[in-house]
Amino acid sequence: MAKPRARPPEDISPEEFFTRWVPESVGADVQRRGRLRDTRASIVFEITGPERSVFTVQIAAGEVRGVAGCASEPDLRVEVDHETWRALNRGDLSAPEALLRRRLRIHGNFVLALKLQLILG
């Protein structure tokens, strides 16, 4: 039986989420690290709205590292507004539903986009 998805704290900031929570949650999950072991990628997440922020998540050999700022040539770019980002973290909205409602936009490697649940939880 699959483990329930870990949820970040409700009040987590985007910076803490991408630079600390995501790397730590992947690092603590042997199964997720194993499924990401052949993935080498750079993913830029742009949180839009009044609290605009940009983060890059780098994946290599099952390790995930998050940094503030934008990679120069990301393999995938994900755009989401702050409210939708919060709803996704709470589990109130699924990524496919957000895509269909055009509340989440992806640009770049679509196959990599399918692996986002391994990265973000």
PDB file of N, CA and C in Angstrom:
ATOM      1  N   MET A   1       0.840  -1.182   0.000  1.00  0.00           N
ATOM      2  CA  MET A   1       0.000   0.000   0.000  1.00  0.00           C
ATOM      3  C   MET A   1       0.887   1.249   0.000  1.00  0.00           C
ATOM      4  N   ALA A   2       0.565   2.207  -0.835  1.00  0.00           N
ATOM      5  CA  ALA A   2       1.352   3.431  -0.952  1.00  0.00           C
ATOM      6  C   ALA A   2       1.183   4.293   0.287  1.00  0.00           C
ATOM      7  N   LYS A   3       2.276   4.972   0.652  1.00  0.00           N
ATOM      8  CA  LYS A   3       2.217   5.893   1.783  1.00  0.00           C
ATOM      9  C   LYS A   3       1.384   7.099   1.384  1.00  0.00           C
ATOM     10  N   PRO A   4       0.650   7.674   2.355  1.00  0.00           N
ATOM     11  CA  PRO A   4      -0.076   8.896   2.025  1.00  0.00           C
ATOM     12  C   PRO A   4       0.907  10.015   1.713  1.00  0.00           C
ATOM     13  N   ARG A   5       0.504  10.894   0.844  1.00  0.00           N
ATOM     14  CA  ARG A   5       1.361  12.006   0.426  1.00  0.00           C
ATOM     15  C   ARG A   5       1.621  12.929   1.610  1.00  0.00           C
ATOM     16  N   ALA A   6       2.879  13.243   1.827  1.00  0.00           N
ATOM     17  CA  ALA A   6       3.238  14.205   2.864  1.00  0.00           C
ATOM     18  C   ALA A   6       2.755  15.581   2.435  1.00  0.00           C
ATOM     19  N   ARG A   7       2.219  16.317   3.370  1.00  0.00           N
ATOM     20  CA  ARG A   7       1.735  17.670   3.074  1.00  0.00           C
ATOM     21  C   ARG A   7       2.624  18.681   3.784  1.00  0.00           C
ATOM     22  N   PRO A   8       3.018  19.719   3.080  1.00  0.00           N
ATOM     23  CA  PRO A   8       3.804  20.763   3.750  1.00  0.00           C
ATOM     24  C   PRO A   8       2.909  21.523   4.728  1.00  0.00           C
ATOM     25  N   PRO A   9       3.510  22.214   5.685  1.00  0.00           N
ATOM     26  CA  PRO A   9       2.709  23.035   6.597  1.00  0.00           C
ATOM     27  C   PRO A   9       1.882  24.055   5.814  1.00  0.00           C
ATOM     28  N   GLU A  10       0.698  24.337   6.296  1.00  0.00           N
ATOM     29  CA  GLU A  10      -0.227  25.266   5.619  1.00  0.00           C
ATOM     30  C   GLU A  10       0.395  26.641   5.383  1.00  0.00           C
ATOM     31  N   ASP A  11       1.197  27.107   6.319  1.00  0.00           N
ATOM     32  CA  ASP A  11       1.739  28.463   6.230  1.00  0.00           C
ATOM     33  C   ASP A  11       3.159  28.520   5.650  1.00  0.00           C
ATOM     34  N   ILE A  12       3.611  27.446   5.042  1.00  0.00           N
ATOM     35  CA  ILE A  12       4.971  27.420   4.490  1.00  0.00           C
ATOM     36  C   ILE A  12       5.109  28.457   3.376  1.00  0.00           C
ATOM     37  N   SER A  13       6.250  29.109   3.357  1.00  0.00           N
ATOM     38  CA  SER A  13       6.495  30.091   2.296  1.00  0.00           C
ATOM     39  C   SER A  13       6.967  29.351   1.050  1.00  0.00           C
ATOM     40  N   PRO A  14       6.775  29.934  -0.130  1.00  0.00           N
ATOM     41  CA  PRO A  14       7.300  29.291  -1.335  1.00  0.00           C
ATOM     42  C   PRO A  14       8.803  29.039  -1.236  1.00  0.00           C
ATOM     43  N   GLU A  15       9.554  29.991  -0.668  1.00  0.00           N
ATOM     44  CA  GLU A  15      11.001  29.800  -0.571  1.00  0.00           C
ATOM     45  C   GLU A  15      11.338  28.588   0.301  1.00  0.00           C
ATOM     46  N   GLU A  16      10.709  28.484   1.451  1.00  0.00           N
ATOM     47  CA  GLU A  16      10.980  27.344   2.322  1.00  0.00           C
ATOM     48  C   GLU A  16      10.538  26.037   1.660  1.00  0.00           C
ATOM     49  N   PHE A  17       9.412  26.086   0.951  1.00  0.00           N
ATOM     50  CA  PHE A  17       8.905  24.894   0.272  1.00  0.00           C
ATOM     51  C   PHE A  17       9.915  24.368  -0.752  1.00  0.00           C
ATOM     52  N   PHE A  18      10.370  25.242  -1.641  1.00  0.00           N
ATOM     53  CA  PHE A  18      11.250  24.804  -2.731  1.00  0.00           C
ATOM     54  C   PHE A  18      12.701  24.576  -2.298  1.00  0.00           C
ATOM     55  N   THR A  19      13.194  25.358  -1.349  1.00  0.00           N
ATOM     56  CA  THR A  19      14.606  25.231  -0.983  1.00  0.00           C
ATOM     57  C   THR A  19      14.862  24.259   0.165  1.00  0.00           C
ATOM     58  N   ARG A  20      13.851  24.001   0.999  1.00  0.00           N
ATOM     59  CA  ARG A  20      14.060  23.101   2.123  1.00  0.00           C
ATOM     60  C   ARG A  20      13.124  21.898   2.113  1.00  0.00           C
ATOM     61  N   TRP A  21      11.805  22.144   2.048  1.00  0.00           N
ATOM     62  CA  TRP A  21      10.837  21.070   2.218  1.00  0.00           C
ATOM     63  C   TRP A  21      10.917  20.033   1.098  1.00  0.00           C
ATOM     64  N   VAL A  22      10.935  20.467  -0.153  1.00  0.00           N
ATOM     65  CA  VAL A  22      10.995  19.516  -1.275  1.00  0.00           C
ATOM     66  C   VAL A  22      12.272  18.677  -1.227  1.00  0.00           C
ATOM     67  N   PRO A  23      13.471  19.286  -1.116  1.00  0.00           N
ATOM     68  CA  PRO A  23      14.675  18.445  -1.046  1.00  0.00           C
ATOM     69  C   PRO A  23      14.664  17.475   0.143  1.00  0.00           C
ATOM     70  N   GLU A  24      14.204  17.927   1.299  1.00  0.00           N
ATOM     71  CA  GLU A  24      14.179  17.050   2.471  1.00  0.00           C
ATOM     72  C   GLU A  24      13.174  15.914   2.318  1.00  0.00           C
ATOM     73  N   SER A  25      12.002  16.204   1.744  1.00  0.00           N
ATOM     74  CA  SER A  25      10.994  15.151   1.604  1.00  0.00           C
ATOM     75  C   SER A  25      11.417  14.103   0.579  1.00  0.00           C
ATOM     76  N   VAL A  26      12.066  14.522  -0.507  1.00  0.00           N
ATOM     77  CA  VAL A  26      12.581  13.547  -1.477  1.00  0.00           C
ATOM     78  C   VAL A  26      13.743  12.775  -0.861  1.00  0.00           C
ATOM     79  N   GLY A  27      14.627  13.484  -0.153  1.00  0.00           N
ATOM     80  CA  GLY A  27      15.774  12.847   0.467  1.00  0.00           C
ATOM     81  C   GLY A  27      15.391  11.780   1.484  1.00  0.00           C
ATOM     82  N   ALA A  28      14.248  11.954   2.134  1.00  0.00           N
ATOM     83  CA  ALA A  28      13.798  11.010   3.150  1.00  0.00           C
ATOM     84  C   ALA A  28      13.008   9.835   2.571  1.00  0.00           C
ATOM     85  N   ASP A  29      12.733   9.849   1.279  1.00  0.00           N
ATOM     86  CA  ASP A  29      11.900   8.819   0.654  1.00  0.00           C
ATOM     87  C   ASP A  29      12.727   8.004  -0.344  1.00  0.00           C
ATOM     88  N   VAL A  30      13.159   6.829   0.070  1.00  0.00           N
ATOM     89  CA  VAL A  30      14.009   5.966  -0.751  1.00  0.00           C
ATOM     90  C   VAL A  30      13.334   5.632  -2.085  1.00  0.00           C
ATOM     91  N   GLN A  31      12.045   5.367  -2.055  1.00  0.00           N
ATOM     92  CA  GLN A  31      11.319   5.005  -3.277  1.00  0.00           C
ATOM     93  C   GLN A  31      11.314   6.153  -4.285  1.00  0.00           C
ATOM     94  N   ARG A  32      11.026   7.366  -3.832  1.00  0.00           N
ATOM     95  CA  ARG A  32      11.027   8.516  -4.743  1.00  0.00           C
ATOM     96  C   ARG A  32      12.419   8.769  -5.304  1.00  0.00           C
ATOM     97  N   ARG A  33      13.441   8.700  -4.448  1.00  0.00           N
ATOM     98  CA  ARG A  33      14.815   8.897  -4.931  1.00  0.00           C
ATOM     99  C   ARG A  33      15.168   7.860  -5.984  1.00  0.00           C
ATOM    100  N   GLY A  34      14.755   6.623  -5.767  1.00  0.00           N
ATOM    101  CA  GLY A  34      15.035   5.563  -6.736  1.00  0.00           C
ATOM    102  C   GLY A  34      14.359   5.809  -8.067  1.00  0.00           C
ATOM    103  N   ARG A  35      13.132   6.297  -8.044  1.00  0.00           N
ATOM    104  CA  ARG A  35      12.413   6.560  -9.290  1.00  0.00           C
ATOM    105  C   ARG A  35      12.962   7.778 -10.035  1.00  0.00           C
ATOM    106  N   LEU A  36      13.685   8.635  -9.314  1.00  0.00           N
ATOM    107  CA  LEU A  36      14.283   9.821  -9.939  1.00  0.00           C
ATOM    108  C   LEU A  36      15.751   9.635 -10.302  1.00  0.00           C
ATOM    109  N   ARG A  37      16.320   8.467 -10.015  1.00  0.00           N
ATOM    110  CA  ARG A  37      17.774   8.282 -10.142  1.00  0.00           C
ATOM    111  C   ARG A  37      18.314   8.537 -11.547  1.00  0.00           C
ATOM    112  N   ASP A  38      17.530   8.291 -12.585  1.00  0.00           N
ATOM    113  CA  ASP A  38      18.002   8.510 -13.956  1.00  0.00           C
ATOM    114  C   ASP A  38      17.615   9.889 -14.496  1.00  0.00           C
ATOM    115  N   THR A  39      16.999  10.697 -13.678  1.00  0.00           N
ATOM    116  CA  THR A  39      16.533  12.007 -14.114  1.00  0.00           C
ATOM    117  C   THR A  39      17.588  13.069 -13.827  1.00  0.00           C
ATOM    118  N   ARG A  40      17.901  13.838 -14.857  1.00  0.00           N
ATOM    119  CA  ARG A  40      18.775  15.009 -14.726  1.00  0.00           C
ATOM    120  C   ARG A  40      17.995  16.159 -15.346  1.00  0.00           C
ATOM    121  N   ALA A  41      17.630  17.112 -14.504  1.00  0.00           N
ATOM    122  CA  ALA A  41      16.795  18.187 -15.028  1.00  0.00           C
ATOM    123  C   ALA A  41      16.864  19.422 -14.150  1.00  0.00           C
ATOM    124  N   SER A  42      16.459  20.503 -14.754  1.00  0.00           N
ATOM    125  CA  SER A  42      16.337  21.784 -14.071  1.00  0.00           C
ATOM    126  C   SER A  42      14.915  22.276 -14.331  1.00  0.00           C
ATOM    127  N   ILE A  43      14.174  22.517 -13.258  1.00  0.00           N
ATOM    128  CA  ILE A  43      12.771  22.942 -13.377  1.00  0.00           C
ATOM    129  C   ILE A  43      12.614  24.284 -12.682  1.00  0.00           C
ATOM    130  N   VAL A  44      12.070  25.244 -13.400  1.00  0.00           N
ATOM    131  CA  VAL A  44      11.813  26.565 -12.836  1.00  0.00           C
ATOM    132  C   VAL A  44      10.332  26.647 -12.478  1.00  0.00           C
ATOM    133  N   PHE A  45      10.074  27.078 -11.251  1.00  0.00           N
ATOM    134  CA  PHE A  45       8.712  27.301 -10.763  1.00  0.00           C
ATOM    135  C   PHE A  45       8.532  28.789 -10.557  1.00  0.00           C
ATOM    136  N   GLU A  46       7.557  29.353 -11.265  1.00  0.00           N
ATOM    137  CA  GLU A  46       7.256  30.768 -11.125  1.00  0.00           C
ATOM    138  C   GLU A  46       5.905  30.898 -10.428  1.00  0.00           C
ATOM    139  N   ILE A  47       5.933  31.458  -9.232  1.00  0.00           N
ATOM    140  CA  ILE A  47       4.711  31.710  -8.477  1.00  0.00           C
ATOM    141  C   ILE A  47       4.313  33.147  -8.809  1.00  0.00           C
ATOM    142  N   THR A  48       3.160  33.312  -9.449  1.00  0.00           N
ATOM    143  CA  THR A  48       2.739  34.632  -9.911  1.00  0.00           C
ATOM    144  C   THR A  48       1.777  35.269  -8.919  1.00  0.00           C
ATOM    145  N   GLY A  49       1.523  36.538  -9.141  1.00  0.00           N
ATOM    146  CA  GLY A  49       0.617  37.293  -8.285  1.00  0.00           C
ATOM    147  C   GLY A  49       1.391  38.345  -7.516  1.00  0.00           C
ATOM    148  N   PRO A  50       0.740  38.921  -6.513  1.00  0.00           N
ATOM    149  CA  PRO A  50       1.385  39.995  -5.762  1.00  0.00           C
ATOM    150  C   PRO A  50       2.670  39.544  -5.048  1.00  0.00           C
ATOM    151  N   GLU A  51       2.750  38.272  -4.686  1.00  0.00           N
ATOM    152  CA  GLU A  51       3.936  37.732  -4.014  1.00  0.00           C
ATOM    153  C   GLU A  51       4.773  36.924  -5.014  1.00  0.00           C
ATOM    154  N   ARG A  52       5.048  37.485  -6.172  1.00  0.00           N
ATOM    155  CA  ARG A  52       5.767  36.779  -7.234  1.00  0.00           C
ATOM    156  C   ARG A  52       7.121  36.292  -6.743  1.00  0.00           C
ATOM    157  N   SER A  53       7.432  35.047  -7.068  1.00  0.00           N
ATOM    158  CA  SER A  53       8.735  34.486  -6.730  1.00  0.00           C
ATOM    159  C   SER A  53       9.093  33.409  -7.745  1.00  0.00           C
ATOM    160  N   VAL A  54      10.396  33.166  -7.886  1.00  0.00           N
ATOM    161  CA  VAL A  54      10.884  32.185  -8.852  1.00  0.00           C
ATOM    162  C   VAL A  54      11.916  31.299  -8.157  1.00  0.00           C
ATOM    163  N   PHE A  55      11.789  29.996  -8.383  1.00  0.00           N
ATOM    164  CA  PHE A  55      12.691  29.020  -7.785  1.00  0.00           C
ATOM    165  C   PHE A  55      13.086  27.996  -8.839  1.00  0.00           C
ATOM    166  N   THR A  56      14.282  27.458  -8.694  1.00  0.00           N
ATOM    167  CA  THR A  56      14.756  26.402  -9.563  1.00  0.00           C
ATOM    168  C   THR A  56      14.982  25.159  -8.732  1.00  0.00           C
ATOM    169  N   VAL A  57      14.426  24.044  -9.211  1.00  0.00           N
ATOM    170  CA  VAL A  57      14.646  22.748  -8.585  1.00  0.00           C
ATOM    171  C   VAL A  57      15.519  21.955  -9.541  1.00  0.00           C
ATOM    172  N   GLN A  58      16.656  21.503  -9.036  1.00  0.00           N
ATOM    173  CA  GLN A  58      17.602  20.732  -9.846  1.00  0.00           C
ATOM    174  C   GLN A  58      17.569  19.281  -9.374  1.00  0.00           C
ATOM    175  N   ILE A  59      17.497  18.366 -10.338  1.00  0.00           N
ATOM    176  CA  ILE A  59      17.439  16.942 -10.041  1.00  0.00           C
ATOM    177  C   ILE A  59      18.612  16.264 -10.723  1.00  0.00           C
ATOM    178  N   ALA A  60      19.317  15.448  -9.956  1.00  0.00           N
ATOM    179  CA  ALA A  60      20.435  14.679 -10.510  1.00  0.00           C
ATOM    180  C   ALA A  60      20.679  13.473  -9.618  1.00  0.00           C
ATOM    181  N   ALA A  61      20.684  12.287 -10.223  1.00  0.00           N
ATOM    182  CA  ALA A  61      21.006  11.035  -9.531  1.00  0.00           C
ATOM    183  C   ALA A  61      20.139  10.816  -8.298  1.00  0.00           C
ATOM    184  N   GLY A  62      18.849  11.136  -8.394  1.00  0.00           N
ATOM    185  CA  GLY A  62      17.933  10.917  -7.286  1.00  0.00           C
ATOM    186  C   GLY A  62      17.975  11.990  -6.222  1.00  0.00           C
ATOM    187  N   GLU A  63      18.842  12.956  -6.366  1.00  0.00           N
ATOM    188  CA  GLU A  63      18.960  14.062  -5.403  1.00  0.00           C
ATOM    189  C   GLU A  63      18.207  15.269  -5.954  1.00  0.00           C
ATOM    190  N   VAL A  64      17.582  16.008  -5.057  1.00  0.00           N
ATOM    191  CA  VAL A  64      16.836  17.209  -5.433  1.00  0.00           C
ATOM    192  C   VAL A  64      17.383  18.377  -4.628  1.00  0.00           C
ATOM    193  N   ARG A  65      17.630  19.474  -5.321  1.00  0.00           N
ATOM    194  CA  ARG A  65      18.143  20.690  -4.692  1.00  0.00           C
ATOM    195  C   ARG A  65      17.308  21.857  -5.183  1.00  0.00           C
ATOM    196  N   GLY A  66      16.894  22.716  -4.279  1.00  0.00           N
ATOM    197  CA  GLY A  66      16.110  23.883  -4.654  1.00  0.00           C
ATOM    198  C   GLY A  66      16.835  25.165  -4.311  1.00  0.00           C
ATOM    199  N   VAL A  67      16.786  26.129  -5.224  1.00  0.00           N
ATOM    200  CA  VAL A  67      17.428  27.427  -5.018  1.00  0.00           C
ATOM    201  C   VAL A  67      16.495  28.538  -5.481  1.00  0.00           C
ATOM    202  N   ALA A  68      16.629  29.695  -4.863  1.00  0.00           N
ATOM    203  CA  ALA A  68      15.875  30.864  -5.311  1.00  0.00           C
ATOM    204  C   ALA A  68      16.476  31.352  -6.614  1.00  0.00           C
ATOM    205  N   GLY A  69      15.627  31.798  -7.529  1.00  0.00           N
ATOM    206  CA  GLY A  69      16.099  32.330  -8.799  1.00  0.00           C
ATOM    207  C   GLY A  69      15.766  31.417  -9.960  1.00  0.00           C
ATOM    208  N   CYS A  70      16.098  31.894 -11.135  1.00  0.00           N
ATOM    209  CA  CYS A  70      15.733  31.217 -12.373  1.00  0.00           C
ATOM    210  C   CYS A  70      16.956  30.642 -13.080  1.00  0.00           C
ATOM    211  N   ALA A  71      16.883  29.366 -13.437  1.00  0.00           N
ATOM    212  CA  ALA A  71      17.946  28.742 -14.232  1.00  0.00           C
ATOM    213  C   ALA A  71      17.938  29.371 -15.622  1.00  0.00           C
ATOM    214  N   SER A  72      19.100  29.461 -16.241  1.00  0.00           N
ATOM    215  CA  SER A  72      19.186  30.110 -17.548  1.00  0.00           C
ATOM    216  C   SER A  72      18.504  29.309 -18.651  1.00  0.00           C
ATOM    217  N   GLU A  73      18.596  27.998 -18.611  1.00  0.00           N
ATOM    218  CA  GLU A  73      17.966  27.163 -19.635  1.00  0.00           C
ATOM    219  C   GLU A  73      17.273  25.966 -18.978  1.00  0.00           C
ATOM    220  N   PRO A  74      16.124  26.177 -18.357  1.00  0.00           N
ATOM    221  CA  PRO A  74      15.447  25.072 -17.680  1.00  0.00           C
ATOM    222  C   PRO A  74      14.885  24.058 -18.672  1.00  0.00           C
ATOM    223  N   ASP A  75      14.778  22.822 -18.222  1.00  0.00           N
ATOM    224  CA  ASP A  75      14.151  21.776 -19.027  1.00  0.00           C
ATOM    225  C   ASP A  75      12.633  21.913 -18.999  1.00  0.00           C
ATOM    226  N   LEU A  76      12.138  22.503 -17.920  1.00  0.00           N
ATOM    227  CA  LEU A  76      10.696  22.677 -17.741  1.00  0.00           C
ATOM    228  C   LEU A  76      10.474  23.950 -16.942  1.00  0.00           C
ATOM    229  N   ARG A  77       9.442  24.694 -17.325  1.00  0.00           N
ATOM    230  CA  ARG A  77       9.029  25.881 -16.583  1.00  0.00           C
ATOM    231  C   ARG A  77       7.575  25.707 -16.185  1.00  0.00           C
ATOM    232  N   VAL A  78       7.298  25.913 -14.903  1.00  0.00           N
ATOM    233  CA  VAL A  78       5.951  25.759 -14.366  1.00  0.00           C
ATOM    234  C   VAL A  78       5.507  27.120 -13.841  1.00  0.00           C
ATOM    235  N   GLU A  79       4.358  27.582 -14.325  1.00  0.00           N
ATOM    236  CA  GLU A  79       3.791  28.856 -13.860  1.00  0.00           C
ATOM    237  C   GLU A  79       2.495  28.557 -13.125  1.00  0.00           C
ATOM    238  N   VAL A  80       2.372  29.131 -11.932  1.00  0.00           N
ATOM    239  CA  VAL A  80       1.168  28.927 -11.131  1.00  0.00           C
ATOM    240  C   VAL A  80       0.975  30.157 -10.246  1.00  0.00           C
ATOM    241  N   ASP A  81      -0.274  30.562 -10.036  1.00  0.00           N
ATOM    242  CA  ASP A  81      -0.503  31.688  -9.145  1.00  0.00           C
ATOM    243  C   ASP A  81      -0.434  31.203  -7.694  1.00  0.00           C
ATOM    244  N   HIS A  82      -0.206  32.135  -6.794  1.00  0.00           N
ATOM    245  CA  HIS A  82       0.011  31.812  -5.382  1.00  0.00           C
ATOM    246  C   HIS A  82      -1.174  31.038  -4.787  1.00  0.00           C
ATOM    247  N   GLU A  83      -2.380  31.445  -5.080  1.00  0.00           N
ATOM    248  CA  GLU A  83      -3.582  30.782  -4.547  1.00  0.00           C
ATOM    249  C   GLU A  83      -3.668  29.328  -5.033  1.00  0.00           C
ATOM    250  N   THR A  84      -3.379  29.094  -6.297  1.00  0.00           N
ATOM    251  CA  THR A  84      -3.416  27.729  -6.842  1.00  0.00           C
ATOM    252  C   THR A  84      -2.302  26.890  -6.236  1.00  0.00           C
ATOM    253  N   TRP A  85      -1.123  27.483  -6.055  1.00  0.00           N
ATOM    254  CA  TRP A  85      -0.009  26.776  -5.417  1.00  0.00           C
ATOM    255  C   TRP A  85      -0.411  26.295  -4.024  1.00  0.00           C
ATOM    256  N   ARG A  86      -1.068  27.158  -3.264  1.00  0.00           N
ATOM    257  CA  ARG A  86      -1.543  26.773  -1.924  1.00  0.00           C
ATOM    258  C   ARG A  86      -2.565  25.637  -2.014  1.00  0.00           C
ATOM    259  N   ALA A  87      -3.500  25.724  -2.949  1.00  0.00           N
ATOM    260  CA  ALA A  87      -4.531  24.680  -3.106  1.00  0.00           C
ATOM    261  C   ALA A  87      -3.892  23.343  -3.488  1.00  0.00           C
ATOM    262  N   LEU A  88      -2.890  23.369  -4.341  1.00  0.00           N
ATOM    263  CA  LEU A  88      -2.182  22.142  -4.714  1.00  0.00           C
ATOM    264  C   LEU A  88      -1.481  21.540  -3.496  1.00  0.00           C
ATOM    265  N   ASN A  89      -0.832  22.361  -2.689  1.00  0.00           N
ATOM    266  CA  ASN A  89      -0.135  21.871  -1.496  1.00  0.00           C
ATOM    267  C   ASN A  89      -1.097  21.279  -0.469  1.00  0.00           C
ATOM    268  N   ARG A  90      -2.271  21.878  -0.332  1.00  0.00           N
ATOM    269  CA  ARG A  90      -3.268  21.366   0.622  1.00  0.00           C
ATOM    270  C   ARG A  90      -3.915  20.079   0.129  1.00  0.00           C
ATOM    271  N   GLY A  91      -3.828  19.832  -1.174  1.00  0.00           N
ATOM    272  CA  GLY A  91      -4.507  18.678  -1.747  1.00  0.00           C
ATOM    273  C   GLY A  91      -5.934  18.989  -2.156  1.00  0.00           C
ATOM    274  N   ASP A  92      -6.303  20.270  -2.145  1.00  0.00           N
ATOM    275  CA  ASP A  92      -7.649  20.689  -2.545  1.00  0.00           C
ATOM    276  C   ASP A  92      -7.819  20.674  -4.062  1.00  0.00           C
ATOM    277  N   LEU A  93      -6.720  20.647  -4.790  1.00  0.00           N
ATOM    278  CA  LEU A  93      -6.726  20.705  -6.246  1.00  0.00           C
ATOM    279  C   LEU A  93      -5.619  19.796  -6.752  1.00  0.00           C
ATOM    280  N   SER A  94      -5.918  19.018  -7.768  1.00  0.00           N
ATOM    281  CA  SER A  94      -4.895  18.150  -8.364  1.00  0.00           C
ATOM    282  C   SER A  94      -4.208  18.901  -9.505  1.00  0.00           C
ATOM    283  N   ALA A  95      -2.992  18.501  -9.807  1.00  0.00           N
ATOM    284  CA  ALA A  95      -2.260  19.139 -10.908  1.00  0.00           C
ATOM    285  C   ALA A  95      -2.991  18.984 -12.245  1.00  0.00           C
ATOM    286  N   PRO A  96      -3.516  17.776 -12.583  1.00  0.00           N
ATOM    287  CA  PRO A  96      -4.247  17.672 -13.847  1.00  0.00           C
ATOM    288  C   PRO A  96      -5.463  18.609 -13.900  1.00  0.00           C
ATOM    289  N   GLU A  97      -6.165  18.730 -12.786  1.00  0.00           N
ATOM    290  CA  GLU A  97      -7.323  19.627 -12.753  1.00  0.00           C
ATOM    291  C   GLU A  97      -6.873  21.082 -12.924  1.00  0.00           C
ATOM    292  N   ALA A  98      -5.775  21.459 -12.275  1.00  0.00           N
ATOM    293  CA  ALA A  98      -5.248  22.819 -12.408  1.00  0.00           C
ATOM    294  C   ALA A  98      -4.838  23.101 -13.852  1.00  0.00           C
ATOM    295  N   LEU A  99      -4.239  22.104 -14.523  1.00  0.00           N
ATOM    296  CA  LEU A  99      -3.877  22.262 -15.938  1.00  0.00           C
ATOM    297  C   LEU A  99      -5.118  22.469 -16.802  1.00  0.00           C
ATOM    298  N   LEU A 100      -6.128  21.649 -16.578  1.00  0.00           N
ATOM    299  CA  LEU A 100      -7.358  21.757 -17.370  1.00  0.00           C
ATOM    300  C   LEU A 100      -8.052  23.095 -17.163  1.00  0.00           C
ATOM    301  N   ARG A 101      -7.962  23.617 -15.957  1.00  0.00           N
ATOM    302  CA  ARG A 101      -8.594  24.912 -15.649  1.00  0.00           C
ATOM    303  C   ARG A 101      -7.690  26.089 -16.019  1.00  0.00           C
ATOM    304  N   ARG A 102      -6.518  25.785 -16.567  1.00  0.00           N
ATOM    305  CA  ARG A 102      -5.537  26.799 -16.971  1.00  0.00           C
ATOM    306  C   ARG A 102      -5.056  27.637 -15.794  1.00  0.00           C
ATOM    307  N   ARG A 103      -5.000  27.014 -14.638  1.00  0.00           N
ATOM    308  CA  ARG A 103      -4.467  27.673 -13.441  1.00  0.00           C
ATOM    309  C   ARG A 103      -3.006  27.282 -13.228  1.00  0.00           C
ATOM    310  N   LEU A 104      -2.550  26.322 -14.002  1.00  0.00           N
ATOM    311  CA  LEU A 104      -1.173  25.836 -13.965  1.00  0.00           C
ATOM    312  C   LEU A 104      -0.734  25.713 -15.419  1.00  0.00           C
ATOM    313  N   ARG A 105       0.427  26.296 -15.730  1.00  0.00           N
ATOM    314  CA  ARG A 105       0.921  26.231 -17.098  1.00  0.00           C
ATOM    315  C   ARG A 105       2.316  25.619 -17.080  1.00  0.00           C
ATOM    316  N   ILE A 106       2.561  24.779 -18.068  1.00  0.00           N
ATOM    317  CA  ILE A 106       3.883  24.168 -18.184  1.00  0.00           C
ATOM    318  C   ILE A 106       4.446  24.476 -19.566  1.00  0.00           C
ATOM    319  N   HIS A 107       5.749  24.674 -19.597  1.00  0.00           N
ATOM    320  CA  HIS A 107       6.459  24.969 -20.843  1.00  0.00           C
ATOM    321  C   HIS A 107       7.726  24.123 -20.848  1.00  0.00           C
ATOM    322  N   GLY A 108       7.904  23.357 -21.890  1.00  0.00           N
ATOM    323  CA  GLY A 108       9.124  22.561 -21.989  1.00  0.00           C
ATOM    324  C   GLY A 108       8.837  21.076 -22.048  1.00  0.00           C
ATOM    325  N   ASN A 109       9.656  20.300 -21.388  1.00  0.00           N
ATOM    326  CA  ASN A 109       9.633  18.847 -21.437  1.00  0.00           C
ATOM    327  C   ASN A 109       8.400  18.284 -20.726  1.00  0.00           C
ATOM    328  N   PHE A 110       7.396  17.878 -21.508  1.00  0.00           N
ATOM    329  CA  PHE A 110       6.143  17.382 -20.928  1.00  0.00           C
ATOM    330  C   PHE A 110       6.345  16.064 -20.191  1.00  0.00           C
ATOM    331  N   VAL A 111       7.251  15.213 -20.664  1.00  0.00           N
ATOM    332  CA  VAL A 111       7.530  13.948 -19.969  1.00  0.00           C
ATOM    333  C   VAL A 111       8.060  14.241 -18.571  1.00  0.00           C
ATOM    334  N   LEU A 112       8.899  15.241 -18.455  1.00  0.00           N
ATOM    335  CA  LEU A 112       9.400  15.657 -17.151  1.00  0.00           C
ATOM    336  C   LEU A 112       8.251  16.170 -16.272  1.00  0.00           C
ATOM    337  N   ALA A 113       7.308  16.864 -16.870  1.00  0.00           N
ATOM    338  CA  ALA A 113       6.152  17.361 -16.110  1.00  0.00           C
ATOM    339  C   ALA A 113       5.383  16.209 -15.471  1.00  0.00           C
ATOM    340  N   LEU A 114       5.367  15.056 -16.137  1.00  0.00           N
ATOM    341  CA  LEU A 114       4.670  13.900 -15.575  1.00  0.00           C
ATOM    342  C   LEU A 114       5.357  13.372 -14.312  1.00  0.00           C
ATOM    343  N   LYS A 115       6.606  13.725 -14.107  1.00  0.00           N
ATOM    344  CA  LYS A 115       7.348  13.280 -12.920  1.00  0.00           C
ATOM    345  C   LYS A 115       7.224  14.258 -11.753  1.00  0.00           C
ATOM    346  N   LEU A 116       6.495  15.351 -11.932  1.00  0.00           N
ATOM    347  CA  LEU A 116       6.421  16.360 -10.873  1.00  0.00           C
ATOM    348  C   LEU A 116       5.919  15.795  -9.556  1.00  0.00           C
ATOM    349  N   GLN A 117       4.997  14.829  -9.586  1.00  0.00           N
ATOM    350  CA  GLN A 117       4.489  14.287  -8.333  1.00  0.00           C
ATOM    351  C   GLN A 117       5.590  13.561  -7.573  1.00  0.00           C
ATOM    352  N   LEU A 118       6.598  13.036  -8.266  1.00  0.00           N
ATOM    353  CA  LEU A 118       7.734  12.398  -7.579  1.00  0.00           C
ATOM    354  C   LEU A 118       8.603  13.454  -6.895  1.00  0.00           C
ATOM    355  N   ILE A 119       8.636  14.635  -7.459  1.00  0.00           N
ATOM    356  CA  ILE A 119       9.490  15.695  -6.941  1.00  0.00           C
ATOM    357  C   ILE A 119       8.775  16.454  -5.830  1.00  0.00           C
ATOM    358  N   LEU A 120       7.546  16.822  -6.088  1.00  0.00           N
ATOM    359  CA  LEU A 120       6.815  17.667  -5.146  1.00  0.00           C
ATOM    360  C   LEU A 120       6.039  16.877  -4.099  1.00  0.00           C
ATOM    361  N   GLY A 121       5.907  15.592  -4.321  1.00  0.00           N
ATOM    362  CA  GLY A 121       5.221  14.770  -3.325  1.00  0.00           C
ATOM    363  C   GLY A 121       3.843  14.367  -3.742  1.00  0.00           C
TER     364      GLY A 121
END
